[in-house]
């Protein structure tokens, strides 16, 4: 009756699912493809690993620390729950625009859904 197994593990968001190193962010910025909507910019390229990884960037100009942390938390949660809709293996950096500060969680999820759909349709892979 426990929640262990393969299906439960795919909803975790571990360190291996994140882009953490500055050099990886810079590499992505230099060689990645870009898509955006009015709230977020996504820079993405084919992943080097057998998993899709996420990096989230929120500049100080977007808002104070509470707002920036909320945006990052919404991004990670949305990715954790919806990574299965992204086809292929990608390294993705989501950059929040200033307008993202005023979004509710539902609006954030819809905006990110739009970004993930564009990435899945991309032919870079």
PDB file of N, CA and C in Angstrom:
ATOM      1  N   UNK A   1       0.817  -1.194   0.000  1.00  0.00           N
ATOM      2  CA  UNK A   1       0.000   0.000   0.000  1.00  0.00           C
ATOM      3  C   UNK A   1       0.866   1.264   0.000  1.00  0.00           C
ATOM      4  N   UNK A   2       2.179   1.083   0.009  1.00  0.00           N
ATOM      5  CA  UNK A   2       3.078   2.230  -0.021  1.00  0.00           C
ATOM      6  C   UNK A   2       3.121   2.882  -1.390  1.00  0.00           C
ATOM      7  N   UNK A   3       3.670   4.052  -1.445  1.00  0.00           N
ATOM      8  CA  UNK A   3       3.751   4.813  -2.695  1.00  0.00           C
ATOM      9  C   UNK A   3       5.123   4.679  -3.325  1.00  0.00           C
ATOM     10  N   UNK A   4       5.715   3.515  -3.228  1.00  0.00           N
ATOM     11  CA  UNK A   4       7.038   3.322  -3.803  1.00  0.00           C
ATOM     12  C   UNK A   4       6.908   2.689  -5.178  1.00  0.00           C
ATOM     13  N   UNK A   5       7.922   2.875  -5.965  1.00  0.00           N
ATOM     14  CA  UNK A   5       7.920   2.272  -7.288  1.00  0.00           C
ATOM     15  C   UNK A   5       8.248   3.273  -8.360  1.00  0.00           C
ATOM     16  N   UNK A   6       8.227   2.780  -9.579  1.00  0.00           N
ATOM     17  CA  UNK A   6       8.607   3.569 -10.738  1.00  0.00           C
ATOM     18  C   UNK A   6       7.729   4.809 -10.936  1.00  0.00           C
ATOM     19  N   UNK A   7       6.422   4.639 -10.804  1.00  0.00           N
ATOM     20  CA  UNK A   7       5.506   5.737 -11.089  1.00  0.00           C
ATOM     21  C   UNK A   7       5.634   6.869 -10.074  1.00  0.00           C
ATOM     22  N   UNK A   8       5.922   6.529  -8.850  1.00  0.00           N
ATOM     23  CA  UNK A   8       6.076   7.547  -7.816  1.00  0.00           C
ATOM     24  C   UNK A   8       7.370   8.330  -8.020  1.00  0.00           C
ATOM     25  N   UNK A   9       8.424   7.673  -8.453  1.00  0.00           N
ATOM     26  CA  UNK A   9       9.723   8.319  -8.614  1.00  0.00           C
ATOM     27  C   UNK A   9       9.727   9.402  -9.685  1.00  0.00           C
ATOM     28  N   UNK A  10       8.899   9.283 -10.691  1.00  0.00           N
ATOM     29  CA  UNK A  10       8.945  10.274 -11.764  1.00  0.00           C
ATOM     30  C   UNK A  10       8.431  11.644 -11.324  1.00  0.00           C
ATOM     31  N   UNK A  11       7.793  11.721 -10.165  1.00  0.00           N
ATOM     32  CA  UNK A  11       7.307  13.006  -9.676  1.00  0.00           C
ATOM     33  C   UNK A  11       8.279  13.691  -8.733  1.00  0.00           C
ATOM     34  N   UNK A  12       9.438  13.089  -8.497  1.00  0.00           N
ATOM     35  CA  UNK A  12      10.461  13.740  -7.706  1.00  0.00           C
ATOM     36  C   UNK A  12      11.182  14.779  -8.552  1.00  0.00           C
ATOM     37  N   UNK A  13      11.774  15.751  -7.893  1.00  0.00           N
ATOM     38  CA  UNK A  13      12.598  16.740  -8.575  1.00  0.00           C
ATOM     39  C   UNK A  13      13.918  16.786  -7.826  1.00  0.00           C
ATOM     40  N   UNK A  14      14.873  16.002  -8.307  1.00  0.00           N
ATOM     41  CA  UNK A  14      16.140  15.837  -7.605  1.00  0.00           C
ATOM     42  C   UNK A  14      17.206  16.775  -8.179  1.00  0.00           C
ATOM     43  N   UNK A  15      18.373  16.756  -7.583  1.00  0.00           N
ATOM     44  CA  UNK A  15      19.485  17.591  -8.041  1.00  0.00           C
ATOM     45  C   UNK A  15      19.894  17.251  -9.472  1.00  0.00           C
ATOM     46  N   UNK A  16      19.758  15.989  -9.852  1.00  0.00           N
ATOM     47  CA  UNK A  16      20.126  15.592 -11.217  1.00  0.00           C
ATOM     48  C   UNK A  16      19.139  16.123 -12.258  1.00  0.00           C
ATOM     49  N   UNK A  17      17.983  16.592 -11.811  1.00  0.00           N
ATOM     50  CA  UNK A  17      16.986  17.169 -12.714  1.00  0.00           C
ATOM     51  C   UNK A  17      17.182  18.671 -12.907  1.00  0.00           C
ATOM     52  N   UNK A  18      18.195  19.235 -12.259  1.00  0.00           N
ATOM     53  CA  UNK A  18      18.420  20.676 -12.302  1.00  0.00           C
ATOM     54  C   UNK A  18      19.689  21.021 -13.059  1.00  0.00           C
ATOM     55  N   UNK A  19      19.684  22.188 -13.663  1.00  0.00           N
ATOM     56  CA  UNK A  19      20.902  22.761 -14.213  1.00  0.00           C
ATOM     57  C   UNK A  19      21.453  23.639 -13.088  1.00  0.00           C
ATOM     58  N   UNK A  20      22.641  23.326 -12.604  1.00  0.00           N
ATOM     59  CA  UNK A  20      23.164  23.992 -11.417  1.00  0.00           C
ATOM     60  C   UNK A  20      24.409  24.836 -11.668  1.00  0.00           C
ATOM     61  N   UNK A  21      25.233  24.428 -12.600  1.00  0.00           N
ATOM     62  CA  UNK A  21      26.528  25.088 -12.781  1.00  0.00           C
ATOM     63  C   UNK A  21      26.427  26.289 -13.720  1.00  0.00           C
ATOM     64  N   UNK A  22      27.144  27.328 -13.366  1.00  0.00           N
ATOM     65  CA  UNK A  22      27.156  28.541 -14.178  1.00  0.00           C
ATOM     66  C   UNK A  22      27.600  28.241 -15.608  1.00  0.00           C
ATOM     67  N   UNK A  23      28.585  27.375 -15.743  1.00  0.00           N
ATOM     68  CA  UNK A  23      29.095  27.037 -17.076  1.00  0.00           C
ATOM     69  C   UNK A  23      28.004  26.401 -17.945  1.00  0.00           C
ATOM     70  N   UNK A  24      27.119  25.629 -17.330  1.00  0.00           N
ATOM     71  CA  UNK A  24      26.016  25.018 -18.086  1.00  0.00           C
ATOM     72  C   UNK A  24      24.995  26.068 -18.524  1.00  0.00           C
ATOM     73  N   UNK A  25      24.723  27.043 -17.652  1.00  0.00           N
ATOM     74  CA  UNK A  25      23.821  28.136 -18.024  1.00  0.00           C
ATOM     75  C   UNK A  25      24.414  28.950 -19.173  1.00  0.00           C
ATOM     76  N   UNK A  26      25.718  29.221 -19.099  1.00  0.00           N
ATOM     77  CA  UNK A  26      26.375  29.990 -20.150  1.00  0.00           C
ATOM     78  C   UNK A  26      26.392  29.227 -21.477  1.00  0.00           C
ATOM     79  N   UNK A  27      26.653  27.932 -21.416  1.00  0.00           N
ATOM     80  CA  UNK A  27      26.649  27.084 -22.612  1.00  0.00           C
ATOM     81  C   UNK A  27      25.262  27.103 -23.262  1.00  0.00           C
ATOM     82  N   UNK A  28      24.239  27.001 -22.430  1.00  0.00           N
ATOM     83  CA  UNK A  28      22.863  27.016 -22.918  1.00  0.00           C
ATOM     84  C   UNK A  28      22.536  28.365 -23.564  1.00  0.00           C
ATOM     85  N   UNK A  29      22.964  29.453 -22.937  1.00  0.00           N
ATOM     86  CA  UNK A  29      22.705  30.789 -23.476  1.00  0.00           C
ATOM     87  C   UNK A  29      23.406  30.993 -24.816  1.00  0.00           C
ATOM     88  N   UNK A  30      24.592  30.415 -24.946  1.00  0.00           N
ATOM     89  CA  UNK A  30      25.380  30.604 -26.164  1.00  0.00           C
ATOM     90  C   UNK A  30      24.850  29.775 -27.340  1.00  0.00           C
ATOM     91  N   UNK A  31      24.486  28.517 -27.075  1.00  0.00           N
ATOM     92  CA  UNK A  31      24.134  27.611 -28.168  1.00  0.00           C
ATOM     93  C   UNK A  31      22.663  27.214 -28.210  1.00  0.00           C
ATOM     94  N   UNK A  32      21.889  27.600 -27.221  1.00  0.00           N
ATOM     95  CA  UNK A  32      20.500  27.168 -27.143  1.00  0.00           C
ATOM     96  C   UNK A  32      19.570  27.940 -28.069  1.00  0.00           C
ATOM     97  N   UNK A  33      18.416  27.355 -28.270  1.00  0.00           N
ATOM     98  CA  UNK A  33      17.358  27.978 -29.048  1.00  0.00           C
ATOM     99  C   UNK A  33      16.426  28.689 -28.069  1.00  0.00           C
ATOM    100  N   UNK A  34      15.772  29.750 -28.521  1.00  0.00           N
ATOM    101  CA  UNK A  34      14.965  30.562 -27.619  1.00  0.00           C
ATOM    102  C   UNK A  34      13.504  30.591 -28.058  1.00  0.00           C
ATOM    103  N   UNK A  35      12.613  30.514 -27.082  1.00  0.00           N
ATOM    104  CA  UNK A  35      11.191  30.744 -27.312  1.00  0.00           C
ATOM    105  C   UNK A  35      10.674  31.539 -26.119  1.00  0.00           C
ATOM    106  N   UNK A  36       9.592  32.280 -26.327  1.00  0.00           N
ATOM    107  CA  UNK A  36       9.080  33.091 -25.232  1.00  0.00           C
ATOM    108  C   UNK A  36       7.598  33.366 -25.383  1.00  0.00           C
ATOM    109  N   UNK A  37       6.986  33.746 -24.272  1.00  0.00           N
ATOM    110  CA  UNK A  37       5.648  34.312 -24.271  1.00  0.00           C
ATOM    111  C   UNK A  37       5.717  35.579 -23.440  1.00  0.00           C
ATOM    112  N   UNK A  38       4.594  36.127 -23.033  1.00  0.00           N
ATOM    113  CA  UNK A  38       4.666  37.426 -22.360  1.00  0.00           C
ATOM    114  C   UNK A  38       5.185  37.357 -20.928  1.00  0.00           C
ATOM    115  N   UNK A  39       5.315  36.147 -20.353  1.00  0.00           N
ATOM    116  CA  UNK A  39       5.767  36.028 -18.966  1.00  0.00           C
ATOM    117  C   UNK A  39       7.141  35.378 -18.798  1.00  0.00           C
ATOM    118  N   UNK A  40       7.529  34.521 -19.733  1.00  0.00           N
ATOM    119  CA  UNK A  40       8.770  33.763 -19.584  1.00  0.00           C
ATOM    120  C   UNK A  40       9.526  33.664 -20.902  1.00  0.00           C
ATOM    121  N   UNK A  41      10.834  33.534 -20.788  1.00  0.00           N
ATOM    122  CA  UNK A  41      11.714  33.213 -21.914  1.00  0.00           C
ATOM    123  C   UNK A  41      12.297  31.843 -21.603  1.00  0.00           C
ATOM    124  N   UNK A  42      12.312  30.968 -22.588  1.00  0.00           N
ATOM    125  CA  UNK A  42      12.927  29.648 -22.407  1.00  0.00           C
ATOM    126  C   UNK A  42      14.076  29.514 -23.390  1.00  0.00           C
ATOM    127  N   UNK A  43      15.235  29.157 -22.863  1.00  0.00           N
ATOM    128  CA  UNK A  43      16.383  28.841 -23.704  1.00  0.00           C
ATOM    129  C   UNK A  43      16.625  27.355 -23.525  1.00  0.00           C
ATOM    130  N   UNK A  44      16.671  26.636 -24.637  1.00  0.00           N
ATOM    131  CA  UNK A  44      16.756  25.179 -24.543  1.00  0.00           C
ATOM    132  C   UNK A  44      17.646  24.606 -25.623  1.00  0.00           C
ATOM    133  N   UNK A  45      18.208  23.461 -25.325  1.00  0.00           N
ATOM    134  CA  UNK A  45      19.015  22.725 -26.295  1.00  0.00           C
ATOM    135  C   UNK A  45      18.901  21.239 -25.958  1.00  0.00           C
ATOM    136  N   UNK A  46      19.233  20.391 -26.905  1.00  0.00           N
ATOM    137  CA  UNK A  46      19.177  18.952 -26.618  1.00  0.00           C
ATOM    138  C   UNK A  46      20.051  18.610 -25.412  1.00  0.00           C
ATOM    139  N   UNK A  47      19.526  17.784 -24.526  1.00  0.00           N
ATOM    140  CA  UNK A  47      20.233  17.436 -23.301  1.00  0.00           C
ATOM    141  C   UNK A  47      21.366  16.460 -23.547  1.00  0.00           C
ATOM    142  N   UNK A  48      22.366  16.547 -22.701  1.00  0.00           N
ATOM    143  CA  UNK A  48      23.500  15.627 -22.784  1.00  0.00           C
ATOM    144  C   UNK A  48      23.229  14.353 -21.991  1.00  0.00           C
ATOM    145  N   UNK A  49      22.208  14.377 -21.169  1.00  0.00           N
ATOM    146  CA  UNK A  49      21.897  13.235 -20.316  1.00  0.00           C
ATOM    147  C   UNK A  49      20.560  12.634 -20.737  1.00  0.00           C
ATOM    148  N   UNK A  50      20.241  11.478 -20.222  1.00  0.00           N
ATOM    149  CA  UNK A  50      18.983  10.789 -20.562  1.00  0.00           C
ATOM    150  C   UNK A  50      17.838  11.292 -19.693  1.00  0.00           C
ATOM    151  N   UNK A  51      17.768  12.627 -19.539  1.00  0.00           N
ATOM    152  CA  UNK A  51      16.681  13.230 -18.774  1.00  0.00           C
ATOM    153  C   UNK A  51      16.575  14.700 -19.167  1.00  0.00           C
ATOM    154  N   UNK A  52      15.402  15.254 -18.977  1.00  0.00           N
ATOM    155  CA  UNK A  52      15.207  16.672 -19.213  1.00  0.00           C
ATOM    156  C   UNK A  52      15.544  17.401 -17.921  1.00  0.00           C
ATOM    157  N   UNK A  53      16.388  18.432 -18.034  1.00  0.00           N
ATOM    158  CA  UNK A  53      16.806  19.178 -16.850  1.00  0.00           C
ATOM    159  C   UNK A  53      16.310  20.615 -16.934  1.00  0.00           C
ATOM    160  N   UNK A  54      16.075  21.200 -15.763  1.00  0.00           N
ATOM    161  CA  UNK A  54      15.517  22.545 -15.678  1.00  0.00           C
ATOM    162  C   UNK A  54      16.434  23.472 -14.896  1.00  0.00           C
ATOM    163  N   UNK A  55      16.572  24.691 -15.392  1.00  0.00           N
ATOM    164  CA  UNK A  55      17.207  25.779 -14.664  1.00  0.00           C
ATOM    165  C   UNK A  55      16.221  26.932 -14.644  1.00  0.00           C
ATOM    166  N   UNK A  56      16.165  27.657 -13.558  1.00  0.00           N
ATOM    167  CA  UNK A  56      15.243  28.790 -13.444  1.00  0.00           C
ATOM    168  C   UNK A  56      16.040  30.026 -13.069  1.00  0.00           C
ATOM    169  N   UNK A  57      15.848  31.098 -13.831  1.00  0.00           N
ATOM    170  CA  UNK A  57      16.539  32.352 -13.586  1.00  0.00           C
ATOM    171  C   UNK A  57      15.502  33.440 -13.375  1.00  0.00           C
ATOM    172  N   UNK A  58      15.602  34.116 -12.225  1.00  0.00           N
ATOM    173  CA  UNK A  58      14.706  35.236 -11.926  1.00  0.00           C
ATOM    174  C   UNK A  58      15.576  36.396 -11.451  1.00  0.00           C
ATOM    175  N   UNK A  59      15.646  37.448 -12.252  1.00  0.00           N
ATOM    176  CA  UNK A  59      16.492  38.600 -11.934  1.00  0.00           C
ATOM    177  C   UNK A  59      15.885  39.436 -10.814  1.00  0.00           C
ATOM    178  N   UNK A  60      16.722  40.211 -10.158  1.00  0.00           N
ATOM    179  CA  UNK A  60      16.265  41.062  -9.055  1.00  0.00           C
ATOM    180  C   UNK A  60      15.213  42.073  -9.488  1.00  0.00           C
ATOM    181  N   UNK A  61      15.282  42.511 -10.737  1.00  0.00           N
ATOM    182  CA  UNK A  61      14.337  43.522 -11.206  1.00  0.00           C
ATOM    183  C   UNK A  61      12.899  42.996 -11.272  1.00  0.00           C
ATOM    184  N   UNK A  62      12.730  41.672 -11.227  1.00  0.00           N
ATOM    185  CA  UNK A  62      11.389  41.071 -11.275  1.00  0.00           C
ATOM    186  C   UNK A  62      10.629  41.347  -9.990  1.00  0.00           C
ATOM    187  N   UNK A  63      11.316  41.353  -8.862  1.00  0.00           N
ATOM    188  CA  UNK A  63      10.646  41.615  -7.593  1.00  0.00           C
ATOM    189  C   UNK A  63      11.562  41.316  -6.429  1.00  0.00           C
ATOM    190  N   UNK A  64      11.003  41.442  -5.229  1.00  0.00           N
ATOM    191  CA  UNK A  64      11.819  41.163  -4.049  1.00  0.00           C
ATOM    192  C   UNK A  64      12.037  39.657  -3.895  1.00  0.00           C
ATOM    193  N   UNK A  65      12.778  39.266  -2.877  1.00  0.00           N
ATOM    194  CA  UNK A  65      13.164  37.859  -2.708  1.00  0.00           C
ATOM    195  C   UNK A  65      11.955  36.934  -2.593  1.00  0.00           C
ATOM    196  N   UNK A  66      10.911  37.369  -1.903  1.00  0.00           N
ATOM    197  CA  UNK A  66       9.713  36.547  -1.737  1.00  0.00           C
ATOM    198  C   UNK A  66       9.064  36.253  -3.081  1.00  0.00           C
ATOM    199  N   UNK A  67       8.939  37.266  -3.903  1.00  0.00           N
ATOM    200  CA  UNK A  67       8.335  37.104  -5.229  1.00  0.00           C
ATOM    201  C   UNK A  67       9.207  36.214  -6.112  1.00  0.00           C
ATOM    202  N   UNK A  68      10.523  36.465  -6.099  1.00  0.00           N
ATOM    203  CA  UNK A  68      11.431  35.664  -6.922  1.00  0.00           C
ATOM    204  C   UNK A  68      11.390  34.193  -6.509  1.00  0.00           C
ATOM    205  N   UNK A  69      11.386  33.935  -5.217  1.00  0.00           N
ATOM    206  CA  UNK A  69      11.330  32.550  -4.732  1.00  0.00           C
ATOM    207  C   UNK A  69      10.013  31.883  -5.090  1.00  0.00           C
ATOM    208  N   UNK A  70       8.910  32.636  -5.037  1.00  0.00           N
ATOM    209  CA  UNK A  70       7.605  32.093  -5.417  1.00  0.00           C
ATOM    210  C   UNK A  70       7.589  31.690  -6.891  1.00  0.00           C
ATOM    211  N   UNK A  71       8.149  32.535  -7.747  1.00  0.00           N
ATOM    212  CA  UNK A  71       8.211  32.227  -9.183  1.00  0.00           C
ATOM    213  C   UNK A  71       9.041  30.967  -9.412  1.00  0.00           C
ATOM    214  N   UNK A  72      10.190  30.867  -8.737  1.00  0.00           N
ATOM    215  CA  UNK A  72      11.040  29.676  -8.892  1.00  0.00           C
ATOM    216  C   UNK A  72      10.330  28.419  -8.394  1.00  0.00           C
ATOM    217  N   UNK A  73       9.633  28.537  -7.273  1.00  0.00           N
ATOM    218  CA  UNK A  73       8.904  27.395  -6.715  1.00  0.00           C
ATOM    219  C   UNK A  73       7.808  26.928  -7.675  1.00  0.00           C
ATOM    220  N   UNK A  74       7.039  27.882  -8.244  1.00  0.00           N
ATOM    221  CA  UNK A  74       5.997  27.529  -9.213  1.00  0.00           C
ATOM    222  C   UNK A  74       6.600  26.846 -10.436  1.00  0.00           C
ATOM    223  N   UNK A  75       7.749  27.341 -10.901  1.00  0.00           N
ATOM    224  CA  UNK A  75       8.419  26.740 -12.057  1.00  0.00           C
ATOM    225  C   UNK A  75       8.837  25.305 -11.778  1.00  0.00           C
ATOM    226  N   UNK A  76       9.479  25.084 -10.633  1.00  0.00           N
ATOM    227  CA  UNK A  76       9.928  23.734 -10.284  1.00  0.00           C
ATOM    228  C   UNK A  76       8.743  22.781 -10.114  1.00  0.00           C
ATOM    229  N   UNK A  77       7.698  23.244  -9.459  1.00  0.00           N
ATOM    230  CA  UNK A  77       6.526  22.399  -9.232  1.00  0.00           C
ATOM    231  C   UNK A  77       5.851  22.033 -10.551  1.00  0.00           C
ATOM    232  N   UNK A  78       5.707  23.013 -11.426  1.00  0.00           N
ATOM    233  CA  UNK A  78       5.096  22.740 -12.724  1.00  0.00           C
ATOM    234  C   UNK A  78       5.926  21.750 -13.525  1.00  0.00           C
ATOM    235  N   UNK A  79       7.232  21.920 -13.512  1.00  0.00           N
ATOM    236  CA  UNK A  79       8.116  20.998 -14.229  1.00  0.00           C
ATOM    237  C   UNK A  79       8.021  19.596 -13.636  1.00  0.00           C
ATOM    238  N   UNK A  80       8.022  19.511 -12.322  1.00  0.00           N
ATOM    239  CA  UNK A  80       7.963  18.218 -11.639  1.00  0.00           C
ATOM    240  C   UNK A  80       6.693  17.447 -12.036  1.00  0.00           C
ATOM    241  N   UNK A  81       5.575  18.145 -12.130  1.00  0.00           N
ATOM    242  CA  UNK A  81       4.305  17.486 -12.423  1.00  0.00           C
ATOM    243  C   UNK A  81       4.073  17.246 -13.910  1.00  0.00           C
ATOM    244  N   UNK A  82       4.728  18.026 -14.766  1.00  0.00           N
ATOM    245  CA  UNK A  82       4.411  17.968 -16.200  1.00  0.00           C
ATOM    246  C   UNK A  82       5.582  17.631 -17.107  1.00  0.00           C
ATOM    247  N   UNK A  83       6.688  17.170 -16.549  1.00  0.00           N
ATOM    248  CA  UNK A  83       7.839  16.883 -17.416  1.00  0.00           C
ATOM    249  C   UNK A  83       7.540  15.783 -18.427  1.00  0.00           C
ATOM    250  N   UNK A  84       6.568  14.934 -18.139  1.00  0.00           N
ATOM    251  CA  UNK A  84       6.222  13.844 -19.058  1.00  0.00           C
ATOM    252  C   UNK A  84       5.646  14.351 -20.372  1.00  0.00           C
ATOM    253  N   UNK A  85       5.141  15.584 -20.434  1.00  0.00           N
ATOM    254  CA  UNK A  85       4.593  16.102 -21.697  1.00  0.00           C
ATOM    255  C   UNK A  85       5.687  16.626 -22.627  1.00  0.00           C
ATOM    256  N   UNK A  86       6.894  16.826 -22.093  1.00  0.00           N
ATOM    257  CA  UNK A  86       8.003  17.317 -22.907  1.00  0.00           C
ATOM    258  C   UNK A  86       8.641  16.117 -23.598  1.00  0.00           C
ATOM    259  N   UNK A  87       8.556  16.098 -24.918  1.00  0.00           N
ATOM    260  CA  UNK A  87       9.123  14.982 -25.663  1.00  0.00           C
ATOM    261  C   UNK A  87      10.617  15.190 -25.867  1.00  0.00           C
ATOM    262  N   UNK A  88      11.370  14.136 -25.737  1.00  0.00           N
ATOM    263  CA  UNK A  88      12.815  14.206 -25.894  1.00  0.00           C
ATOM    264  C   UNK A  88      13.494  14.580 -24.593  1.00  0.00           C
ATOM    265  N   UNK A  89      14.826  14.729 -24.671  1.00  0.00           N
ATOM    266  CA  UNK A  89      15.630  15.115 -23.508  1.00  0.00           C
ATOM    267  C   UNK A  89      16.229  16.497 -23.767  1.00  0.00           C
ATOM    268  N   UNK A  90      15.905  17.443 -22.910  1.00  0.00           N
ATOM    269  CA  UNK A  90      16.295  18.830 -23.108  1.00  0.00           C
ATOM    270  C   UNK A  90      16.947  19.399 -21.854  1.00  0.00           C
ATOM    271  N   UNK A  91      17.816  20.368 -22.062  1.00  0.00           N
ATOM    272  CA  UNK A  91      18.261  21.249 -20.996  1.00  0.00           C
ATOM    273  C   UNK A  91      17.499  22.552 -21.219  1.00  0.00           C
ATOM    274  N   UNK A  92      16.741  22.974 -20.219  1.00  0.00           N
ATOM    275  CA  UNK A  92      15.853  24.128 -20.365  1.00  0.00           C
ATOM    276  C   UNK A  92      16.159  25.135 -19.264  1.00  0.00           C
ATOM    277  N   UNK A  93      16.361  26.393 -19.652  1.00  0.00           N
ATOM    278  CA  UNK A  93      16.476  27.478 -18.681  1.00  0.00           C
ATOM    279  C   UNK A  93      15.274  28.384 -18.871  1.00  0.00           C
ATOM    280  N   UNK A  94      14.457  28.488 -17.841  1.00  0.00           N
ATOM    281  CA  UNK A  94      13.293  29.373 -17.862  1.00  0.00           C
ATOM    282  C   UNK A  94      13.708  30.684 -17.200  1.00  0.00           C
ATOM    283  N   UNK A  95      13.549  31.785 -17.916  1.00  0.00           N
ATOM    284  CA  UNK A  95      13.884  33.108 -17.401  1.00  0.00           C
ATOM    285  C   UNK A  95      12.589  33.887 -17.235  1.00  0.00           C
ATOM    286  N   UNK A  96      12.351  34.354 -16.023  1.00  0.00           N
ATOM    287  CA  UNK A  96      11.118  35.087 -15.739  1.00  0.00           C
ATOM    288  C   UNK A  96      11.238  36.537 -16.205  1.00  0.00           C
ATOM    289  N   UNK A  97      10.176  37.021 -16.834  1.00  0.00           N
ATOM    290  CA  UNK A  97      10.093  38.443 -17.171  1.00  0.00           C
ATOM    291  C   UNK A  97       9.421  39.165 -16.004  1.00  0.00           C
ATOM    292  N   UNK A  98       9.473  40.477 -16.025  1.00  0.00           N
ATOM    293  CA  UNK A  98       8.907  41.281 -14.941  1.00  0.00           C
ATOM    294  C   UNK A  98       7.413  41.008 -14.755  1.00  0.00           C
ATOM    295  N   UNK A  99       6.702  40.756 -15.832  1.00  0.00           N
ATOM    296  CA  UNK A  99       5.255  40.490 -15.757  1.00  0.00           C
ATOM    297  C   UNK A  99       4.927  39.211 -14.988  1.00  0.00           C
ATOM    298  N   UNK A 100       5.887  38.316 -14.843  1.00  0.00           N
ATOM    299  CA  UNK A 100       5.642  37.051 -14.145  1.00  0.00           C
ATOM    300  C   UNK A 100       5.388  37.258 -12.653  1.00  0.00           C
ATOM    301  N   UNK A 101       5.798  38.395 -12.110  1.00  0.00           N
ATOM    302  CA  UNK A 101       5.654  38.663 -10.678  1.00  0.00           C
ATOM    303  C   UNK A 101       4.191  38.711 -10.241  1.00  0.00           C
ATOM    304  N   UNK A 102       3.303  39.086 -11.136  1.00  0.00           N
ATOM    305  CA  UNK A 102       1.892  39.269 -10.777  1.00  0.00           C
ATOM    306  C   UNK A 102       1.030  38.043 -11.037  1.00  0.00           C
ATOM    307  N   UNK A 103       1.623  36.946 -11.476  1.00  0.00           N
ATOM    308  CA  UNK A 103       0.843  35.763 -11.849  1.00  0.00           C
ATOM    309  C   UNK A 103       0.459  34.915 -10.645  1.00  0.00           C
ATOM    310  N   UNK A 104      -0.723  34.326 -10.717  1.00  0.00           N
ATOM    311  CA  UNK A 104      -1.115  33.309  -9.744  1.00  0.00           C
ATOM    312  C   UNK A 104      -0.467  31.992 -10.159  1.00  0.00           C
ATOM    313  N   UNK A 105      -0.572  30.987  -9.320  1.00  0.00           N
ATOM    314  CA  UNK A 105       0.027  29.697  -9.674  1.00  0.00           C
ATOM    315  C   UNK A 105      -0.640  29.122 -10.916  1.00  0.00           C
ATOM    316  N   UNK A 106      -1.938  29.257 -11.038  1.00  0.00           N
ATOM    317  CA  UNK A 106      -2.653  28.726 -12.207  1.00  0.00           C
ATOM    318  C   UNK A 106      -2.208  29.430 -13.494  1.00  0.00           C
ATOM    319  N   UNK A 107      -2.090  30.756 -13.435  1.00  0.00           N
ATOM    320  CA  UNK A 107      -1.637  31.514 -14.602  1.00  0.00           C
ATOM    321  C   UNK A 107      -0.198  31.140 -14.965  1.00  0.00           C
ATOM    322  N   UNK A 108       0.640  30.955 -13.944  1.00  0.00           N
ATOM    323  CA  UNK A 108       2.022  30.541 -14.186  1.00  0.00           C
ATOM    324  C   UNK A 108       2.061  29.193 -14.868  1.00  0.00           C
ATOM    325  N   UNK A 109       1.265  28.246 -14.383  1.00  0.00           N
ATOM    326  CA  UNK A 109       1.238  26.902 -14.960  1.00  0.00           C
ATOM    327  C   UNK A 109       0.772  26.945 -16.410  1.00  0.00           C
ATOM    328  N   UNK A 110      -0.236  27.749 -16.727  1.00  0.00           N
ATOM    329  CA  UNK A 110      -0.712  27.853 -18.112  1.00  0.00           C
ATOM    330  C   UNK A 110       0.356  28.462 -19.021  1.00  0.00           C
ATOM    331  N   UNK A 111       1.035  29.478 -18.523  1.00  0.00           N
ATOM    332  CA  UNK A 111       2.091  30.123 -19.304  1.00  0.00           C
ATOM    333  C   UNK A 111       3.245  29.161 -19.565  1.00  0.00           C
ATOM    334  N   UNK A 112       3.630  28.406 -18.544  1.00  0.00           N
ATOM    335  CA  UNK A 112       4.714  27.428 -18.709  1.00  0.00           C
ATOM    336  C   UNK A 112       4.290  26.270 -19.604  1.00  0.00           C
ATOM    337  N   UNK A 113       3.030  25.877 -19.519  1.00  0.00           N
ATOM    338  CA  UNK A 113       2.507  24.816 -20.387  1.00  0.00           C
ATOM    339  C   UNK A 113       2.704  25.207 -21.852  1.00  0.00           C
ATOM    340  N   UNK A 114       2.433  26.471 -22.141  1.00  0.00           N
ATOM    341  CA  UNK A 114       2.612  26.999 -23.488  1.00  0.00           C
ATOM    342  C   UNK A 114       4.073  26.891 -23.926  1.00  0.00           C
ATOM    343  N   UNK A 115       4.984  27.244 -23.045  1.00  0.00           N
ATOM    344  CA  UNK A 115       6.423  27.158 -23.332  1.00  0.00           C
ATOM    345  C   UNK A 115       6.834  25.702 -23.580  1.00  0.00           C
ATOM    346  N   UNK A 116       6.405  24.787 -22.704  1.00  0.00           N
ATOM    347  CA  UNK A 116       6.779  23.373 -22.834  1.00  0.00           C
ATOM    348  C   UNK A 116       6.230  22.767 -24.130  1.00  0.00           C
ATOM    349  N   UNK A 117       5.035  23.173 -24.533  1.00  0.00           N
ATOM    350  CA  UNK A 117       4.473  22.684 -25.798  1.00  0.00           C
ATOM    351  C   UNK A 117       5.321  23.143 -26.980  1.00  0.00           C
ATOM    352  N   UNK A 118       5.790  24.371 -26.933  1.00  0.00           N
ATOM    353  CA  UNK A 118       6.652  24.884 -28.011  1.00  0.00           C
ATOM    354  C   UNK A 118       7.972  24.121 -28.070  1.00  0.00           C
ATOM    355  N   UNK A 119       8.527  23.826 -26.903  1.00  0.00           N
ATOM    356  CA  UNK A 119       9.796  23.087 -26.857  1.00  0.00           C
ATOM    357  C   UNK A 119       9.592  21.688 -27.428  1.00  0.00           C
ATOM    358  N   UNK A 120       8.487  21.042 -27.070  1.00  0.00           N
ATOM    359  CA  UNK A 120       8.212  19.683 -27.555  1.00  0.00           C
ATOM    360  C   UNK A 120       8.057  19.644 -29.064  1.00  0.00           C
ATOM    361  N   UNK A 121       7.521  20.719 -29.644  1.00  0.00           N
ATOM    362  CA  UNK A 121       7.341  20.776 -31.104  1.00  0.00           C
ATOM    363  C   UNK A 121       8.610  21.163 -31.843  1.00  0.00           C
ATOM    364  N   UNK A 122       9.622  21.575 -31.105  1.00  0.00           N
ATOM    365  CA  UNK A 122      10.863  22.033 -31.713  1.00  0.00           C
ATOM    366  C   UNK A 122      11.576  20.897 -32.450  1.00  0.00           C
ATOM    367  N   UNK A 123      12.273  21.244 -33.495  1.00  0.00           N
ATOM    368  CA  UNK A 123      12.968  20.248 -34.320  1.00  0.00           C
ATOM    369  C   UNK A 123      14.480  20.264 -34.106  1.00  0.00           C
ATOM    370  N   UNK A 124      14.958  20.886 -33.034  1.00  0.00           N
ATOM    371  CA  UNK A 124      16.398  20.963 -32.778  1.00  0.00           C
ATOM    372  C   UNK A 124      16.944  19.573 -32.467  1.00  0.00           C
ATOM    373  N   UNK A 125      16.161  18.747 -31.822  1.00  0.00           N
ATOM    374  CA  UNK A 125      16.590  17.457 -31.312  1.00  0.00           C
ATOM    375  C   UNK A 125      17.027  16.511 -32.368  1.00  0.00           C
TER     376      UNK A 125
END
